[in-house]
Amino acid sequence: MGVQALSRTENGMTYNAVRSLITIMDASAPHEYSFKFTLPRGYRLVWDYDYDDGQDELDDGTVFIVDENDEVVRTIDPAWAKDGEGKDIATHYTITGNTLVQHVDFNENTKFPVVADPTEGDTKISTKYLTKKQVKKTRDEYAGKPKHEFWDLLMTLVGGRVPELETAWKLAKFMETNINATSYATWNKIYEKFPKSKNRVKVVTKYRWHHKGAWVATGIAKYSYVTK
């Protein structure tokens, strides 16, 4: 087995991951391969099937690394394995504490070598070079009122007859309003400090993977004014 750091750039986004390489040469090789994770206190491995995110229909066998607040911080792609002809081999994971075990189902009739690579996803990073005008446009996008037309209409129809729905509606409005306010303040700071001697600002934003394929921005990691 070996470990390989992965990094690719696509549409201005850099994706980072770590791949554990498995190569099975013949039928006498082990069928199980263990990967022990050294995790901070409170972190754990959990199946997407067992993770309560309200999107069970999208579960596909991904394994999450979650923190002490039950937030997804990293992911491990669903198990896969292929034989020497590129055909799929039956395989699956099991979890024991902080150890992930990949089970690979091969026999003496399998075409070797069999390969697999459990891939642990990290973050993706967006790097953009924006003019002052573009910064202002981005800032102003957070200045308007939150867009809740659908929810507002729904509330007028159901009134107070569904307390749970009304609570969710109020929470959504509260969160969006606060996110907008925070984002506006950040972009306004970048806009107001834009020096006349520079024509671009380099903005690096980090994202974390969450909720079945959705990337959530954790905020601007750093920014600096440049000439480009």
C-alpha atoms as a PDB file:
ATOM      1  CA  MET A   1       0.000   0.000   0.000  1.00  0.00           C
ATOM      2  CA  GLY A   2       1.070   3.575  -0.583  1.00  0.00           C
ATOM      3  CA  VAL A   3      -0.182   7.115   0.023  1.00  0.00           C
ATOM      4  CA  GLN A   4      -0.467   9.835  -2.601  1.00  0.00           C
ATOM      5  CA  ALA A   5      -1.373  13.502  -2.193  1.00  0.00           C
ATOM      6  CA  LEU A   6      -3.806  14.714  -4.858  1.00  0.00           C
ATOM      7  CA  SER A   7      -4.448  18.225  -6.057  1.00  0.00           C
ATOM      8  CA  ARG A   8      -6.326  19.320  -9.148  1.00  0.00           C
ATOM      9  CA  THR A   9      -7.621  22.638 -10.413  1.00  0.00           C
ATOM     10  CA  GLU A  10     -10.945  22.905 -12.196  1.00  0.00           C
ATOM     11  CA  ASN A  11     -12.841  26.093 -13.062  1.00  0.00           C
ATOM     12  CA  GLY A  12     -10.717  28.105 -10.683  1.00  0.00           C
ATOM     13  CA  MET A  13     -11.158  25.650  -7.800  1.00  0.00           C
ATOM     14  CA  THR A  14      -8.307  23.612  -6.306  1.00  0.00           C
ATOM     15  CA  TYR A  15      -9.366  20.263  -4.848  1.00  0.00           C
ATOM     16  CA  ASN A  16      -7.089  18.569  -2.304  1.00  0.00           C
ATOM     17  CA  ALA A  17      -7.274  14.933  -1.245  1.00  0.00           C
ATOM     18  CA  VAL A  18      -5.189  11.998  -0.028  1.00  0.00           C
ATOM     19  CA  ARG A  19      -5.327   8.651  -1.835  1.00  0.00           C
ATOM     20  CA  SER A  20      -4.325   5.335  -0.224  1.00  0.00           C
ATOM     21  CA  LEU A  21      -3.182   3.008  -2.987  1.00  0.00           C
ATOM     22  CA  ILE A  22      -3.935  -0.728  -2.856  1.00  0.00           C
ATOM     23  CA  THR A  23      -2.523  -3.155  -5.412  1.00  0.00           C
ATOM     24  CA  ILE A  24      -3.434  -6.849  -5.056  1.00  0.00           C
ATOM     25  CA  MET A  25      -1.182  -9.061  -7.155  1.00  0.00           C
ATOM     26  CA  ASP A  26      -2.626 -12.555  -6.708  1.00  0.00           C
ATOM     27  CA  ALA A  27      -5.253 -14.690  -4.952  1.00  0.00           C
ATOM     28  CA  SER A  28      -3.025 -15.322  -1.931  1.00  0.00           C
ATOM     29  CA  ALA A  29      -3.158 -11.642  -0.904  1.00  0.00           C
ATOM     30  CA  PRO A  30      -5.263 -10.439   2.076  1.00  0.00           C
ATOM     31  CA  HIS A  31      -8.907  -9.594   1.453  1.00  0.00           C
ATOM     32  CA  GLU A  32      -8.969  -6.842   4.104  1.00  0.00           C
ATOM     33  CA  TYR A  33      -6.984  -3.604   4.247  1.00  0.00           C
ATOM     34  CA  SER A  34      -7.092  -1.387   7.335  1.00  0.00           C
ATOM     35  CA  PHE A  35      -6.623   2.370   7.538  1.00  0.00           C
ATOM     36  CA  LYS A  36      -6.369   3.807  11.039  1.00  0.00           C
ATOM     37  CA  PHE A  37      -7.097   7.512  11.385  1.00  0.00           C
ATOM     38  CA  THR A  38      -5.498   9.598  14.098  1.00  0.00           C
ATOM     39  CA  LEU A  39      -8.340  11.970  14.922  1.00  0.00           C
ATOM     40  CA  PRO A  40      -8.680  14.814  17.441  1.00  0.00           C
ATOM     41  CA  ARG A  41     -10.725  14.166  20.568  1.00  0.00           C
ATOM     42  CA  GLY A  42     -14.431  14.062  19.732  1.00  0.00           C
ATOM     43  CA  TYR A  43     -13.910  13.332  16.023  1.00  0.00           C
ATOM     44  CA  ARG A  44     -15.150  10.065  14.535  1.00  0.00           C
ATOM     45  CA  LEU A  45     -15.868   8.093  11.380  1.00  0.00           C
ATOM     46  CA  VAL A  46     -19.528   7.732  10.403  1.00  0.00           C
ATOM     47  CA  TRP A  47     -21.416   6.282   7.450  1.00  0.00           C
ATOM     48  CA  ASP A  48     -23.428   8.682   5.335  1.00  0.00           C
ATOM     49  CA  TYR A  49     -26.285   6.201   5.891  1.00  0.00           C
ATOM     50  CA  ASP A  50     -26.066   6.921   9.621  1.00  0.00           C
ATOM     51  CA  TYR A  51     -25.471  10.666   9.360  1.00  0.00           C
ATOM     52  CA  ASP A  52     -28.659  12.654   9.866  1.00  0.00           C
ATOM     53  CA  ASP A  53     -28.626  15.378   7.227  1.00  0.00           C
ATOM     54  CA  GLY A  54     -32.125  14.985   5.815  1.00  0.00           C
ATOM     55  CA  GLN A  55     -30.842  13.773   2.452  1.00  0.00           C
ATOM     56  CA  ASP A  56     -30.826   9.999   2.857  1.00  0.00           C
ATOM     57  CA  GLU A  57     -31.906   9.518  -0.755  1.00  0.00           C
ATOM     58  CA  LEU A  58     -28.420  10.624  -1.803  1.00  0.00           C
ATOM     59  CA  ASP A  59     -26.488   8.215   0.439  1.00  0.00           C
ATOM     60  CA  ASP A  60     -23.939   6.250  -1.587  1.00  0.00           C
ATOM     61  CA  GLY A  61     -21.548   4.667   0.909  1.00  0.00           C
ATOM     62  CA  THR A  62     -19.403   7.724   1.563  1.00  0.00           C
ATOM     63  CA  VAL A  63     -17.717   7.788   4.963  1.00  0.00           C
ATOM     64  CA  PHE A  64     -17.623  11.077   6.842  1.00  0.00           C
ATOM     65  CA  ILE A  65     -15.094  12.353   9.352  1.00  0.00           C
ATOM     66  CA  VAL A  66     -17.132  14.544  11.682  1.00  0.00           C
ATOM     67  CA  ASP A  67     -15.953  16.837  14.466  1.00  0.00           C
ATOM     68  CA  GLU A  68     -17.166  17.177  18.035  1.00  0.00           C
ATOM     69  CA  ASN A  69     -20.065  19.322  16.790  1.00  0.00           C
ATOM     70  CA  ASP A  70     -21.163  16.612  14.324  1.00  0.00           C
ATOM     71  CA  GLU A  71     -20.064  18.728  11.363  1.00  0.00           C
ATOM     72  CA  VAL A  72     -18.504  17.023   8.343  1.00  0.00           C
ATOM     73  CA  VAL A  73     -14.851  18.090   8.040  1.00  0.00           C
ATOM     74  CA  ARG A  74     -13.540  15.473   5.591  1.00  0.00           C
ATOM     75  CA  THR A  75     -14.942  12.658   3.477  1.00  0.00           C
ATOM     76  CA  ILE A  76     -13.819   9.261   2.213  1.00  0.00           C
ATOM     77  CA  ASP A  77     -15.126   8.268  -1.207  1.00  0.00           C
ATOM     78  CA  PRO A  78     -17.296   5.139  -1.544  1.00  0.00           C
ATOM     79  CA  ALA A  79     -15.342   1.867  -1.795  1.00  0.00           C
ATOM     80  CA  TRP A  80     -14.395   0.630  -5.257  1.00  0.00           C
ATOM     81  CA  ALA A  81     -12.002  -1.907  -6.767  1.00  0.00           C
ATOM     82  CA  LYS A  82     -11.206  -3.009 -10.329  1.00  0.00           C
ATOM     83  CA  ASP A  83      -9.490  -6.073 -11.746  1.00  0.00           C
ATOM     84  CA  GLY A  84      -6.717  -6.181 -14.319  1.00  0.00           C
ATOM     85  CA  GLU A  85      -9.246  -5.721 -17.131  1.00  0.00           C
ATOM     86  CA  GLY A  86     -10.876  -2.695 -15.552  1.00  0.00           C
ATOM     87  CA  LYS A  87     -13.967  -4.564 -14.396  1.00  0.00           C
ATOM     88  CA  ASP A  88     -15.568  -3.787 -11.039  1.00  0.00           C
ATOM     89  CA  ILE A  89     -14.775  -6.089  -8.109  1.00  0.00           C
ATOM     90  CA  ALA A  90     -17.189  -6.362  -5.194  1.00  0.00           C
ATOM     91  CA  THR A  91     -15.873  -4.377  -2.254  1.00  0.00           C
ATOM     92  CA  HIS A  92     -17.147  -2.574   0.834  1.00  0.00           C
ATOM     93  CA  TYR A  93     -16.028  -0.774   3.987  1.00  0.00           C
ATOM     94  CA  THR A  94     -16.528  -1.542   7.642  1.00  0.00           C
ATOM     95  CA  ILE A  95     -15.797   0.866  10.481  1.00  0.00           C
ATOM     96  CA  THR A  96     -14.321  -0.089  13.851  1.00  0.00           C
ATOM     97  CA  GLY A  97     -13.636   2.928  16.021  1.00  0.00           C
ATOM     98  CA  ASN A  98     -11.224   5.152  14.093  1.00  0.00           C
ATOM     99  CA  THR A  99     -10.226   2.363  11.719  1.00  0.00           C
ATOM    100  CA  LEU A 100     -11.661   1.985   8.239  1.00  0.00           C
ATOM    101  CA  VAL A 101     -11.371  -1.487   6.716  1.00  0.00           C
ATOM    102  CA  GLN A 102     -11.819  -2.126   3.000  1.00  0.00           C
ATOM    103  CA  HIS A 103     -12.918  -5.660   2.131  1.00  0.00           C
ATOM    104  CA  VAL A 104     -12.171  -6.792  -1.438  1.00  0.00           C
ATOM    105  CA  ASP A 105     -13.895  -9.878  -2.864  1.00  0.00           C
ATOM    106  CA  PHE A 106     -11.569 -11.682  -5.299  1.00  0.00           C
ATOM    107  CA  ASN A 107     -10.661 -15.309  -5.971  1.00  0.00           C
ATOM    108  CA  GLU A 108      -8.348 -17.486  -8.052  1.00  0.00           C
ATOM    109  CA  ASN A 109     -10.333 -16.669 -11.199  1.00  0.00           C
ATOM    110  CA  THR A 110      -9.908 -12.906 -10.830  1.00  0.00           C
ATOM    111  CA  LYS A 111      -7.798 -11.090 -13.395  1.00  0.00           C
ATOM    112  CA  PHE A 112      -4.932  -9.533 -11.444  1.00  0.00           C
ATOM    113  CA  PRO A 113      -3.706  -7.054 -10.442  1.00  0.00           C
ATOM    114  CA  VAL A 114      -6.687  -5.692  -8.530  1.00  0.00           C
ATOM    115  CA  VAL A 115      -6.459  -2.010  -7.635  1.00  0.00           C
ATOM    116  CA  ALA A 116      -8.368   0.220  -5.227  1.00  0.00           C
ATOM    117  CA  ASP A 117      -7.706   3.609  -3.682  1.00  0.00           C
ATOM    118  CA  PRO A 118      -9.727   4.871  -0.719  1.00  0.00           C
ATOM    119  CA  THR A 119      -9.595   8.645  -1.194  1.00  0.00           C
ATOM    120  CA  GLU A 120      -9.956  11.035   1.703  1.00  0.00           C
ATOM    121  CA  GLY A 121     -11.260  14.426   0.605  1.00  0.00           C
ATOM    122  CA  ASP A 122      -9.934  17.554   2.247  1.00  0.00           C
ATOM    123  CA  THR A 123     -10.928  21.016   1.131  1.00  0.00           C
ATOM    124  CA  LYS A 124     -11.312  22.919  -2.059  1.00  0.00           C
ATOM    125  CA  ILE A 125      -9.809  26.336  -2.478  1.00  0.00           C
ATOM    126  CA  SER A 126     -10.985  29.118  -4.750  1.00  0.00           C
ATOM    127  CA  THR A 127      -8.496  31.786  -5.821  1.00  0.00           C
ATOM    128  CA  LYS A 128      -9.911  34.780  -7.653  1.00  0.00           C
ATOM    129  CA  TYR A 129      -8.467  38.097  -8.809  1.00  0.00           C
ATOM    130  CA  LEU A 130     -11.130  40.790  -8.607  1.00  0.00           C
ATOM    131  CA  THR A 131     -11.219  44.423  -9.600  1.00  0.00           C
ATOM    132  CA  LYS A 132     -12.566  47.027  -7.218  1.00  0.00           C
ATOM    133  CA  LYS A 133     -15.752  47.190  -9.291  1.00  0.00           C
ATOM    134  CA  GLN A 134     -16.218  43.419  -8.953  1.00  0.00           C
ATOM    135  CA  VAL A 135     -15.670  43.603  -5.206  1.00  0.00           C
ATOM    136  CA  LYS A 136     -18.350  46.280  -4.945  1.00  0.00           C
ATOM    137  CA  LYS A 137     -20.764  44.160  -6.996  1.00  0.00           C
ATOM    138  CA  THR A 138     -20.147  41.146  -4.738  1.00  0.00           C
ATOM    139  CA  ARG A 139     -20.564  43.273  -1.623  1.00  0.00           C
ATOM    140  CA  ASP A 140     -23.835  44.742  -2.860  1.00  0.00           C
ATOM    141  CA  GLU A 141     -25.275  41.289  -3.507  1.00  0.00           C
ATOM    142  CA  TYR A 142     -25.423  40.845   0.267  1.00  0.00           C
ATOM    143  CA  ALA A 143     -27.034  44.226   0.872  1.00  0.00           C
ATOM    144  CA  GLY A 144     -30.519  43.367  -0.340  1.00  0.00           C
ATOM    145  CA  LYS A 145     -33.310  41.760   1.599  1.00  0.00           C
ATOM    146  CA  PRO A 146     -33.167  37.947   2.023  1.00  0.00           C
ATOM    147  CA  LYS A 147     -35.097  36.159  -0.719  1.00  0.00           C
ATOM    148  CA  HIS A 148     -37.929  34.295   1.000  1.00  0.00           C
ATOM    149  CA  GLU A 149     -40.799  34.800  -1.419  1.00  0.00           C
ATOM    150  CA  PHE A 150     -41.723  31.113  -1.528  1.00  0.00           C
ATOM    151  CA  TRP A 151     -41.564  30.665   2.233  1.00  0.00           C
ATOM    152  CA  ASP A 152     -43.437  33.908   2.869  1.00  0.00           C
ATOM    153  CA  LEU A 153     -46.225  32.799   0.535  1.00  0.00           C
ATOM    154  CA  LEU A 154     -46.360  29.386   2.199  1.00  0.00           C
ATOM    155  CA  MET A 155     -46.678  30.972   5.625  1.00  0.00           C
ATOM    156  CA  THR A 156     -49.612  33.083   4.480  1.00  0.00           C
ATOM    157  CA  LEU A 157     -51.358  29.900   3.357  1.00  0.00           C
ATOM    158  CA  VAL A 158     -50.758  27.720   6.424  1.00  0.00           C
ATOM    159  CA  GLY A 159     -50.702  30.499   9.014  1.00  0.00           C
ATOM    160  CA  GLY A 160     -49.848  29.155  12.447  1.00  0.00           C
ATOM    161  CA  ARG A 161     -51.340  25.739  11.786  1.00  0.00           C
ATOM    162  CA  VAL A 162     -47.958  24.061  11.349  1.00  0.00           C
ATOM    163  CA  PRO A 163     -45.708  25.235  14.213  1.00  0.00           C
ATOM    164  CA  GLU A 164     -42.722  23.158  13.065  1.00  0.00           C
ATOM    165  CA  LEU A 165     -42.818  24.685   9.590  1.00  0.00           C
ATOM    166  CA  GLU A 166     -43.096  28.202  10.973  1.00  0.00           C
ATOM    167  CA  THR A 167     -40.127  27.581  13.292  1.00  0.00           C
ATOM    168  CA  ALA A 168     -38.011  26.340  10.365  1.00  0.00           C
ATOM    169  CA  TRP A 169     -39.041  29.384   8.321  1.00  0.00           C
ATOM    170  CA  LYS A 170     -38.001  31.808  11.075  1.00  0.00           C
ATOM    171  CA  LEU A 171     -34.686  30.012  11.556  1.00  0.00           C
ATOM    172  CA  ALA A 172     -33.930  30.127   7.815  1.00  0.00           C
ATOM    173  CA  LYS A 173     -34.636  33.871   7.685  1.00  0.00           C
ATOM    174  CA  PHE A 174     -32.527  34.493  10.778  1.00  0.00           C
ATOM    175  CA  MET A 175     -29.554  32.521   9.430  1.00  0.00           C
ATOM    176  CA  GLU A 176     -29.658  34.082   5.979  1.00  0.00           C
ATOM    177  CA  THR A 177     -29.959  37.572   7.405  1.00  0.00           C
ATOM    178  CA  ASN A 178     -26.936  37.051   9.649  1.00  0.00           C
ATOM    179  CA  ILE A 179     -24.876  35.411   6.907  1.00  0.00           C
ATOM    180  CA  ASN A 180     -25.667  38.298   4.573  1.00  0.00           C
ATOM    181  CA  ALA A 181     -24.687  40.851   7.203  1.00  0.00           C
ATOM    182  CA  THR A 182     -21.378  39.114   7.935  1.00  0.00           C
ATOM    183  CA  SER A 183     -20.560  38.683   4.253  1.00  0.00           C
ATOM    184  CA  TYR A 184     -21.427  42.308   3.492  1.00  0.00           C
ATOM    185  CA  ALA A 185     -19.114  43.530   6.243  1.00  0.00           C
ATOM    186  CA  THR A 186     -16.229  41.394   4.961  1.00  0.00           C
ATOM    187  CA  TRP A 187     -16.545  42.504   1.343  1.00  0.00           C
ATOM    188  CA  ASN A 188     -17.113  46.104   2.365  1.00  0.00           C
ATOM    189  CA  LYS A 189     -13.839  46.020   4.311  1.00  0.00           C
ATOM    190  CA  ILE A 190     -12.006  44.747   1.223  1.00  0.00           C
ATOM    191  CA  TYR A 191     -13.683  47.431  -0.906  1.00  0.00           C
ATOM    192  CA  GLU A 192     -12.952  50.356   1.405  1.00  0.00           C
ATOM    193  CA  LYS A 193      -9.302  49.413   1.870  1.00  0.00           C
ATOM    194  CA  PHE A 194      -8.669  48.960  -1.869  1.00  0.00           C
ATOM    195  CA  PRO A 195      -5.466  50.964  -2.557  1.00  0.00           C
ATOM    196  CA  LYS A 196      -5.235  53.222  -5.603  1.00  0.00           C
ATOM    197  CA  SER A 197      -1.858  51.718  -6.450  1.00  0.00           C
ATOM    198  CA  LYS A 198      -3.337  48.228  -7.059  1.00  0.00           C
ATOM    199  CA  ASN A 199      -5.852  47.046  -9.640  1.00  0.00           C
ATOM    200  CA  ARG A 200      -6.787  43.625  -8.254  1.00  0.00           C
ATOM    201  CA  VAL A 201      -7.404  41.884  -4.989  1.00  0.00           C
ATOM    202  CA  LYS A 202      -6.444  38.241  -4.691  1.00  0.00           C
ATOM    203  CA  VAL A 203      -9.147  36.472  -2.673  1.00  0.00           C
ATOM    204  CA  VAL A 204      -8.631  32.925  -1.401  1.00  0.00           C
ATOM    205  CA  THR A 205     -11.763  31.182  -0.147  1.00  0.00           C
ATOM    206  CA  LYS A 206     -11.837  27.769   1.503  1.00  0.00           C
ATOM    207  CA  TYR A 207     -14.774  25.392   1.270  1.00  0.00           C
ATOM    208  CA  ARG A 208     -15.663  22.218   3.097  1.00  0.00           C
ATOM    209  CA  TRP A 209     -17.728  19.380   1.714  1.00  0.00           C
ATOM    210  CA  HIS A 210     -21.120  18.885   3.303  1.00  0.00           C
ATOM    211  CA  HIS A 211     -24.562  17.491   2.673  1.00  0.00           C
ATOM    212  CA  LYS A 212     -24.031  15.111  -0.221  1.00  0.00           C
ATOM    213  CA  GLY A 213     -22.041  17.015  -2.741  1.00  0.00           C
ATOM    214  CA  ALA A 214     -22.676  20.562  -1.543  1.00  0.00           C
ATOM    215  CA  TRP A 215     -19.638  22.684  -0.799  1.00  0.00           C
ATOM    216  CA  VAL A 216     -20.043  25.222   1.979  1.00  0.00           C
ATOM    217  CA  ALA A 217     -17.754  28.230   2.184  1.00  0.00           C
ATOM    218  CA  THR A 218     -16.000  28.535   5.522  1.00  0.00           C
ATOM    219  CA  GLY A 219     -15.102  32.114   4.732  1.00  0.00           C
ATOM    220  CA  ILE A 220     -12.334  34.050   3.054  1.00  0.00           C
ATOM    221  CA  ALA A 221      -9.055  32.506   4.164  1.00  0.00           C
ATOM    222  CA  LYS A 222      -6.964  35.482   3.086  1.00  0.00           C
ATOM    223  CA  TYR A 223      -6.782  38.320   0.617  1.00  0.00           C
ATOM    224  CA  SER A 224      -4.104  40.653  -0.682  1.00  0.00           C
ATOM    225  CA  TYR A 225      -4.027  43.561  -3.116  1.00  0.00           C
ATOM    226  CA  VAL A 226      -1.954  43.035  -6.251  1.00  0.00           C
ATOM    227  CA  THR A 227      -1.244  44.409  -9.715  1.00  0.00           C
ATOM    228  CA  LYS A 228      -2.216  41.961 -12.426  1.00  0.00           C
END
